[in-house]
Amino acid sequence: MPFLAWNDKLITGVETIDSDHVKMIALINELFDAIAAGQSRQVLGAILDQLVAYTQYHFAHEEAIFLKIDYAGRDAHKKEHDEMAAWARKTQEQFRNGQLAAPSLEVMNYLKDWLFDHVMGSDQKFVPYLNSKGVR
């Protein structure tokens, strides 16, 4: 059973955003599985790097859509993205310099909680506006 499972509550109805979220969940699950399997720091680091890079890509993707359609809530939404990106970079740096031996259950739970809260909360708020502008 995966650490995180895609479910209908996570669907925004914007295909490209939903596919980004599916990929992020897959990377979080890959990291969790690697931790559970006792993979090396090199393997964990590579997965963590992929997750951080993909998260940054996804945030830029969403923010570009907001800018294109002039979404009024974009600044508040971007602030949430910026806070998460800063946390992710800090966690990545702590892992790289040895302050964090491996991503812990606390780190994994933070990722899970943030993603679910953000997608089911903040992301769902922009869906009606995006849909009204023809973004699906």
N, C-alpha and C. Protein backbone atom coordinates (compact mmCIF):
# COMPACT_ATOMS: atom_id res chain seq x y z
N MET A 1 0.85 -1.18 0.00
CA MET A 1 0.00 0.00 0.00
C MET A 1 0.90 1.25 0.00
N PRO A 2 0.59 2.20 -0.86
CA PRO A 2 1.44 3.40 -0.92
C PRO A 2 1.26 4.30 0.31
N PHE A 3 2.27 5.08 0.57
CA PHE A 3 2.23 6.06 1.66
C PHE A 3 1.12 7.08 1.38
N LEU A 4 1.04 7.54 0.14
CA LEU A 4 0.00 8.48 -0.29
C LEU A 4 -0.75 7.85 -1.46
N ALA A 5 -2.05 8.05 -1.46
CA ALA A 5 -2.85 7.54 -2.57
C ALA A 5 -3.65 8.67 -3.20
N TRP A 6 -3.63 8.72 -4.52
CA TRP A 6 -4.44 9.68 -5.26
C TRP A 6 -5.90 9.34 -5.00
N ASN A 7 -6.71 10.35 -4.78
CA ASN A 7 -8.15 10.11 -4.60
C ASN A 7 -8.94 11.26 -5.21
N ASP A 8 -10.24 11.06 -5.32
CA ASP A 8 -11.10 12.04 -5.98
C ASP A 8 -11.11 13.41 -5.31
N LYS A 9 -10.82 13.48 -4.04
CA LYS A 9 -10.80 14.76 -3.33
C LYS A 9 -9.65 15.65 -3.82
N LEU A 10 -8.66 15.06 -4.46
CA LEU A 10 -7.50 15.80 -4.94
C LEU A 10 -7.68 16.33 -6.37
N ILE A 11 -8.72 15.90 -7.04
CA ILE A 11 -8.93 16.31 -8.42
C ILE A 11 -9.32 17.78 -8.49
N THR A 12 -8.57 18.54 -9.27
CA THR A 12 -8.92 19.94 -9.50
C THR A 12 -9.75 20.08 -10.77
N GLY A 13 -9.64 19.13 -11.66
CA GLY A 13 -10.32 19.22 -12.94
C GLY A 13 -9.49 19.94 -13.98
N VAL A 14 -8.32 20.41 -13.59
CA VAL A 14 -7.38 21.02 -14.54
C VAL A 14 -6.35 19.94 -14.82
N GLU A 15 -6.44 19.35 -16.02
CA GLU A 15 -5.69 18.14 -16.33
C GLU A 15 -4.19 18.25 -16.07
N THR A 16 -3.57 19.35 -16.49
CA THR A 16 -2.12 19.46 -16.33
C THR A 16 -1.73 19.60 -14.85
N ILE A 17 -2.55 20.29 -14.09
CA ILE A 17 -2.27 20.42 -12.66
C ILE A 17 -2.48 19.09 -11.96
N ASP A 18 -3.56 18.39 -12.30
CA ASP A 18 -3.79 17.07 -11.70
C ASP A 18 -2.66 16.11 -12.03
N SER A 19 -2.16 16.13 -13.27
CA SER A 19 -1.07 15.22 -13.61
C SER A 19 0.21 15.59 -12.85
N ASP A 20 0.43 16.89 -12.61
CA ASP A 20 1.57 17.30 -11.77
C ASP A 20 1.41 16.74 -10.36
N HIS A 21 0.22 16.83 -9.81
CA HIS A 21 -0.01 16.34 -8.45
C HIS A 21 0.20 14.82 -8.37
N VAL A 22 -0.25 14.11 -9.39
CA VAL A 22 -0.04 12.65 -9.43
C VAL A 22 1.46 12.34 -9.41
N LYS A 23 2.24 13.09 -10.19
CA LYS A 23 3.69 12.89 -10.24
C LYS A 23 4.32 13.20 -8.89
N MET A 24 3.86 14.27 -8.22
CA MET A 24 4.41 14.62 -6.90
C MET A 24 4.12 13.51 -5.90
N ILE A 25 2.91 12.96 -5.93
CA ILE A 25 2.56 11.86 -5.04
C ILE A 25 3.44 10.65 -5.33
N ALA A 26 3.68 10.38 -6.60
CA ALA A 26 4.55 9.24 -6.97
C ALA A 26 5.96 9.43 -6.42
N LEU A 27 6.49 10.65 -6.50
CA LEU A 27 7.83 10.92 -5.97
C LEU A 27 7.87 10.81 -4.45
N ILE A 28 6.84 11.28 -3.77
CA ILE A 28 6.77 11.15 -2.31
C ILE A 28 6.72 9.67 -1.94
N ASN A 29 5.93 8.89 -2.66
CA ASN A 29 5.85 7.45 -2.41
C ASN A 29 7.18 6.76 -2.68
N GLU A 30 7.86 7.20 -3.73
CA GLU A 30 9.18 6.63 -4.05
C GLU A 30 10.17 6.91 -2.93
N LEU A 31 10.13 8.13 -2.40
CA LEU A 31 11.01 8.48 -1.28
C LEU A 31 10.68 7.64 -0.05
N PHE A 32 9.40 7.52 0.26
CA PHE A 32 8.98 6.71 1.41
C PHE A 32 9.43 5.26 1.26
N ASP A 33 9.23 4.69 0.08
CA ASP A 33 9.62 3.30 -0.17
C ASP A 33 11.13 3.12 -0.04
N ALA A 34 11.90 4.10 -0.52
CA ALA A 34 13.36 4.03 -0.44
C ALA A 34 13.83 4.10 1.02
N ILE A 35 13.17 4.93 1.80
CA ILE A 35 13.50 5.01 3.24
C ILE A 35 13.18 3.67 3.90
N ALA A 36 11.98 3.14 3.63
CA ALA A 36 11.56 1.87 4.24
C ALA A 36 12.47 0.72 3.85
N ALA A 37 13.02 0.77 2.64
CA ALA A 37 13.90 -0.30 2.15
C ALA A 37 15.34 -0.11 2.60
N GLY A 38 15.61 0.99 3.32
CA GLY A 38 16.97 1.23 3.80
C GLY A 38 17.95 1.57 2.69
N GLN A 39 17.47 2.24 1.66
CA GLN A 39 18.33 2.62 0.54
C GLN A 39 19.45 3.57 1.01
N SER A 40 20.47 3.67 0.21
CA SER A 40 21.64 4.48 0.54
C SER A 40 21.30 5.97 0.53
N ARG A 41 22.17 6.75 1.16
CA ARG A 41 22.02 8.21 1.15
C ARG A 41 22.03 8.74 -0.28
N GLN A 42 22.82 8.10 -1.14
CA GLN A 42 22.89 8.53 -2.54
C GLN A 42 21.53 8.37 -3.22
N VAL A 43 20.88 7.25 -3.00
CA VAL A 43 19.56 7.00 -3.60
C VAL A 43 18.53 7.96 -3.01
N LEU A 44 18.53 8.10 -1.68
CA LEU A 44 17.59 9.01 -1.03
C LEU A 44 17.79 10.44 -1.51
N GLY A 45 19.03 10.85 -1.61
CA GLY A 45 19.34 12.19 -2.07
C GLY A 45 18.86 12.45 -3.48
N ALA A 46 19.04 11.46 -4.34
CA ALA A 46 18.60 11.61 -5.73
C ALA A 46 17.08 11.76 -5.82
N ILE A 47 16.36 10.97 -5.04
CA ILE A 47 14.90 11.07 -5.04
C ILE A 47 14.46 12.41 -4.44
N LEU A 48 15.08 12.80 -3.36
CA LEU A 48 14.77 14.08 -2.73
C LEU A 48 15.03 15.23 -3.71
N ASP A 49 16.14 15.16 -4.42
CA ASP A 49 16.45 16.19 -5.42
C ASP A 49 15.38 16.24 -6.51
N GLN A 50 14.94 15.07 -6.97
CA GLN A 50 13.88 15.01 -7.98
C GLN A 50 12.59 15.64 -7.45
N LEU A 51 12.26 15.31 -6.21
CA LEU A 51 11.04 15.84 -5.61
C LEU A 51 11.09 17.35 -5.47
N VAL A 52 12.20 17.88 -5.00
CA VAL A 52 12.34 19.33 -4.84
C VAL A 52 12.28 20.01 -6.21
N ALA A 53 12.97 19.47 -7.19
CA ALA A 53 12.97 20.06 -8.54
C ALA A 53 11.57 20.01 -9.16
N TYR A 54 10.89 18.89 -9.00
CA TYR A 54 9.56 18.77 -9.60
C TYR A 54 8.56 19.68 -8.89
N THR A 55 8.70 19.83 -7.60
CA THR A 55 7.82 20.74 -6.86
C THR A 55 8.01 22.16 -7.36
N GLN A 56 9.25 22.56 -7.56
CA GLN A 56 9.53 23.91 -8.08
C GLN A 56 8.94 24.08 -9.48
N TYR A 57 9.08 23.06 -10.31
CA TYR A 57 8.49 23.08 -11.65
C TYR A 57 6.97 23.25 -11.56
N HIS A 58 6.35 22.47 -10.71
CA HIS A 58 4.89 22.51 -10.57
C HIS A 58 4.41 23.88 -10.09
N PHE A 59 5.09 24.43 -9.09
CA PHE A 59 4.69 25.74 -8.60
C PHE A 59 4.80 26.79 -9.70
N ALA A 60 5.88 26.75 -10.46
CA ALA A 60 6.04 27.70 -11.57
C ALA A 60 4.95 27.50 -12.62
N HIS A 61 4.58 26.26 -12.86
CA HIS A 61 3.52 25.93 -13.81
C HIS A 61 2.19 26.55 -13.37
N GLU A 62 1.81 26.31 -12.14
CA GLU A 62 0.56 26.88 -11.61
C GLU A 62 0.60 28.41 -11.67
N GLU A 63 1.70 28.97 -11.22
CA GLU A 63 1.81 30.43 -11.16
C GLU A 63 1.77 31.06 -12.55
N ALA A 64 2.28 30.37 -13.56
CA ALA A 64 2.20 30.88 -14.93
C ALA A 64 0.75 30.90 -15.41
N ILE A 65 -0.01 29.88 -15.05
CA ILE A 65 -1.43 29.86 -15.39
C ILE A 65 -2.14 31.02 -14.71
N PHE A 66 -1.85 31.24 -13.43
CA PHE A 66 -2.49 32.34 -12.69
C PHE A 66 -2.21 33.69 -13.35
N LEU A 67 -0.98 33.87 -13.76
CA LEU A 67 -0.57 35.13 -14.38
C LEU A 67 -1.29 35.32 -15.73
N LYS A 68 -1.34 34.25 -16.49
CA LYS A 68 -1.97 34.30 -17.82
C LYS A 68 -3.44 34.68 -17.75
N ILE A 69 -4.14 34.18 -16.73
CA ILE A 69 -5.58 34.45 -16.64
C ILE A 69 -5.92 35.51 -15.60
N ASP A 70 -4.89 36.12 -15.03
CA ASP A 70 -5.07 37.20 -14.06
C ASP A 70 -5.89 36.76 -12.84
N TYR A 71 -5.47 35.66 -12.23
CA TYR A 71 -6.14 35.15 -11.03
C TYR A 71 -5.84 36.05 -9.85
N ALA A 72 -6.89 36.61 -9.25
CA ALA A 72 -6.73 37.58 -8.17
C ALA A 72 -6.06 36.99 -6.92
N GLY A 73 -6.21 35.71 -6.69
CA GLY A 73 -5.62 35.08 -5.51
C GLY A 73 -4.20 34.59 -5.70
N ARG A 74 -3.57 34.99 -6.80
CA ARG A 74 -2.25 34.43 -7.12
C ARG A 74 -1.17 34.79 -6.10
N ASP A 75 -1.20 36.00 -5.54
CA ASP A 75 -0.15 36.39 -4.60
C ASP A 75 -0.20 35.55 -3.32
N ALA A 76 -1.40 35.35 -2.80
CA ALA A 76 -1.55 34.53 -1.59
C ALA A 76 -1.16 33.09 -1.88
N HIS A 77 -1.55 32.60 -3.06
CA HIS A 77 -1.23 31.23 -3.42
C HIS A 77 0.28 31.06 -3.61
N LYS A 78 0.90 32.04 -4.26
CA LYS A 78 2.35 32.01 -4.46
C LYS A 78 3.08 32.03 -3.12
N LYS A 79 2.55 32.76 -2.15
CA LYS A 79 3.17 32.80 -0.83
C LYS A 79 3.20 31.40 -0.21
N GLU A 80 2.12 30.65 -0.35
CA GLU A 80 2.10 29.26 0.14
C GLU A 80 3.16 28.44 -0.59
N HIS A 81 3.24 28.61 -1.89
CA HIS A 81 4.26 27.90 -2.67
C HIS A 81 5.67 28.26 -2.19
N ASP A 82 5.90 29.56 -2.00
CA ASP A 82 7.23 30.02 -1.58
C ASP A 82 7.62 29.44 -0.22
N GLU A 83 6.66 29.37 0.70
CA GLU A 83 6.94 28.82 2.04
C GLU A 83 7.27 27.33 1.95
N MET A 84 6.53 26.61 1.12
CA MET A 84 6.81 25.17 0.96
C MET A 84 8.15 24.96 0.26
N ALA A 85 8.43 25.75 -0.75
CA ALA A 85 9.70 25.62 -1.48
C ALA A 85 10.88 25.90 -0.55
N ALA A 86 10.74 26.90 0.31
CA ALA A 86 11.81 27.21 1.27
C ALA A 86 12.01 26.04 2.23
N TRP A 87 10.93 25.45 2.72
CA TRP A 87 11.02 24.29 3.62
C TRP A 87 11.71 23.14 2.90
N ALA A 88 11.33 22.90 1.65
CA ALA A 88 11.90 21.79 0.88
C ALA A 88 13.40 21.99 0.65
N ARG A 89 13.78 23.22 0.28
CA ARG A 89 15.21 23.50 0.08
C ARG A 89 16.00 23.35 1.37
N LYS A 90 15.42 23.79 2.49
CA LYS A 90 16.08 23.66 3.79
C LYS A 90 16.26 22.18 4.15
N THR A 91 15.22 21.40 3.94
CA THR A 91 15.30 19.95 4.23
C THR A 91 16.34 19.29 3.33
N GLN A 92 16.35 19.67 2.06
CA GLN A 92 17.32 19.13 1.11
C GLN A 92 18.74 19.49 1.55
N GLU A 93 18.96 20.73 1.96
CA GLU A 93 20.28 21.18 2.42
C GLU A 93 20.71 20.44 3.69
N GLN A 94 19.77 20.26 4.62
CA GLN A 94 20.09 19.53 5.85
C GLN A 94 20.48 18.09 5.54
N PHE A 95 19.83 17.50 4.56
CA PHE A 95 20.19 16.13 4.16
C PHE A 95 21.57 16.12 3.53
N ARG A 96 21.82 17.07 2.65
CA ARG A 96 23.11 17.12 1.95
C ARG A 96 24.28 17.32 2.90
N ASN A 97 24.11 18.18 3.91
CA ASN A 97 25.24 18.46 4.81
C ASN A 97 25.29 17.53 6.03
N GLY A 98 24.42 16.52 6.06
CA GLY A 98 24.48 15.51 7.11
C GLY A 98 23.73 15.84 8.38
N GLN A 99 23.07 17.00 8.45
CA GLN A 99 22.27 17.32 9.64
C GLN A 99 21.05 16.41 9.72
N LEU A 100 20.64 15.90 8.59
CA LEU A 100 19.49 15.00 8.51
C LEU A 100 20.01 13.70 7.90
N ALA A 101 20.06 12.63 8.72
CA ALA A 101 20.61 11.36 8.24
C ALA A 101 19.77 10.77 7.10
N ALA A 102 18.46 10.86 7.27
CA ALA A 102 17.51 10.41 6.24
C ALA A 102 16.21 11.15 6.49
N PRO A 103 15.44 11.36 5.44
CA PRO A 103 14.13 11.98 5.67
C PRO A 103 13.34 11.13 6.67
N SER A 104 12.85 11.75 7.70
CA SER A 104 12.17 11.05 8.78
C SER A 104 10.68 10.94 8.51
N LEU A 105 10.00 10.20 9.38
CA LEU A 105 8.55 10.11 9.30
C LEU A 105 7.93 11.49 9.46
N GLU A 106 8.57 12.33 10.27
CA GLU A 106 8.10 13.70 10.45
C GLU A 106 8.15 14.46 9.11
N VAL A 107 9.23 14.30 8.38
CA VAL A 107 9.36 14.93 7.06
C VAL A 107 8.30 14.38 6.12
N MET A 108 8.13 13.07 6.10
CA MET A 108 7.16 12.45 5.21
C MET A 108 5.74 12.90 5.55
N ASN A 109 5.43 12.97 6.83
CA ASN A 109 4.09 13.41 7.22
C ASN A 109 3.87 14.88 6.87
N TYR A 110 4.91 15.70 6.98
CA TYR A 110 4.79 17.10 6.58
C TYR A 110 4.46 17.18 5.09
N LEU A 111 5.18 16.42 4.27
CA LEU A 111 4.91 16.41 2.83
C LEU A 111 3.47 16.00 2.54
N LYS A 112 3.05 14.93 3.19
CA LYS A 112 1.68 14.43 2.99
C LYS A 112 0.66 15.48 3.41
N ASP A 113 0.80 15.99 4.62
CA ASP A 113 -0.17 16.95 5.14
C ASP A 113 -0.20 18.22 4.29
N TRP A 114 0.99 18.72 3.92
CA TRP A 114 1.03 19.95 3.13
C TRP A 114 0.36 19.73 1.79
N LEU A 115 0.71 18.65 1.12
CA LEU A 115 0.15 18.41 -0.21
C LEU A 115 -1.37 18.27 -0.14
N PHE A 116 -1.86 17.44 0.76
CA PHE A 116 -3.31 17.25 0.85
C PHE A 116 -4.02 18.53 1.26
N ASP A 117 -3.50 19.22 2.26
CA ASP A 117 -4.13 20.47 2.70
C ASP A 117 -4.13 21.51 1.59
N HIS A 118 -3.01 21.62 0.89
CA HIS A 118 -2.88 22.62 -0.16
C HIS A 118 -3.80 22.31 -1.34
N VAL A 119 -3.78 21.07 -1.79
CA VAL A 119 -4.57 20.70 -2.97
C VAL A 119 -6.06 20.73 -2.65
N MET A 120 -6.45 20.20 -1.50
CA MET A 120 -7.87 20.16 -1.17
C MET A 120 -8.39 21.51 -0.65
N GLY A 121 -7.47 22.40 -0.28
CA GLY A 121 -7.87 23.71 0.21
C GLY A 121 -7.60 24.78 -0.81
N SER A 122 -6.38 25.27 -0.83
CA SER A 122 -6.01 26.40 -1.69
C SER A 122 -6.22 26.12 -3.18
N ASP A 123 -5.82 24.95 -3.64
CA ASP A 123 -5.96 24.67 -5.07
C ASP A 123 -7.43 24.61 -5.48
N GLN A 124 -8.27 24.05 -4.62
CA GLN A 124 -9.70 23.97 -4.98
C GLN A 124 -10.33 25.35 -5.09
N LYS A 125 -9.76 26.34 -4.42
CA LYS A 125 -10.31 27.70 -4.47
C LYS A 125 -10.15 28.32 -5.86
N PHE A 126 -9.10 27.95 -6.59
CA PHE A 126 -8.90 28.57 -7.90
C PHE A 126 -9.62 27.85 -9.03
N VAL A 127 -10.11 26.65 -8.78
CA VAL A 127 -10.72 25.85 -9.84
C VAL A 127 -11.90 26.57 -10.52
N PRO A 128 -12.87 27.11 -9.78
CA PRO A 128 -13.99 27.78 -10.48
C PRO A 128 -13.52 28.93 -11.38
N TYR A 129 -12.54 29.70 -10.90
CA TYR A 129 -12.06 30.82 -11.71
C TYR A 129 -11.35 30.31 -12.97
N LEU A 130 -10.48 29.30 -12.80
CA LEU A 130 -9.79 28.76 -13.97
C LEU A 130 -10.78 28.19 -14.96
N ASN A 131 -11.78 27.46 -14.46
CA ASN A 131 -12.79 26.89 -15.34
C ASN A 131 -13.57 27.98 -16.09
N SER A 132 -13.85 29.09 -15.38
CA SER A 132 -14.59 30.19 -16.02
C SER A 132 -13.77 30.85 -17.13
N LYS A 133 -12.45 30.67 -17.09
CA LYS A 133 -11.57 31.21 -18.12
C LYS A 133 -11.21 30.17 -19.17
N GLY A 134 -11.87 29.01 -19.10
CA GLY A 134 -11.65 27.98 -20.08
C GLY A 134 -10.48 27.05 -19.81
N VAL A 135 -9.90 27.14 -18.63
CA VAL A 135 -8.77 26.28 -18.29
C VAL A 135 -9.32 25.00 -17.68
N ARG A 136 -8.98 23.90 -18.31
CA ARG A 136 -9.47 22.59 -17.83
C ARG A 136 -8.33 21.60 -17.78
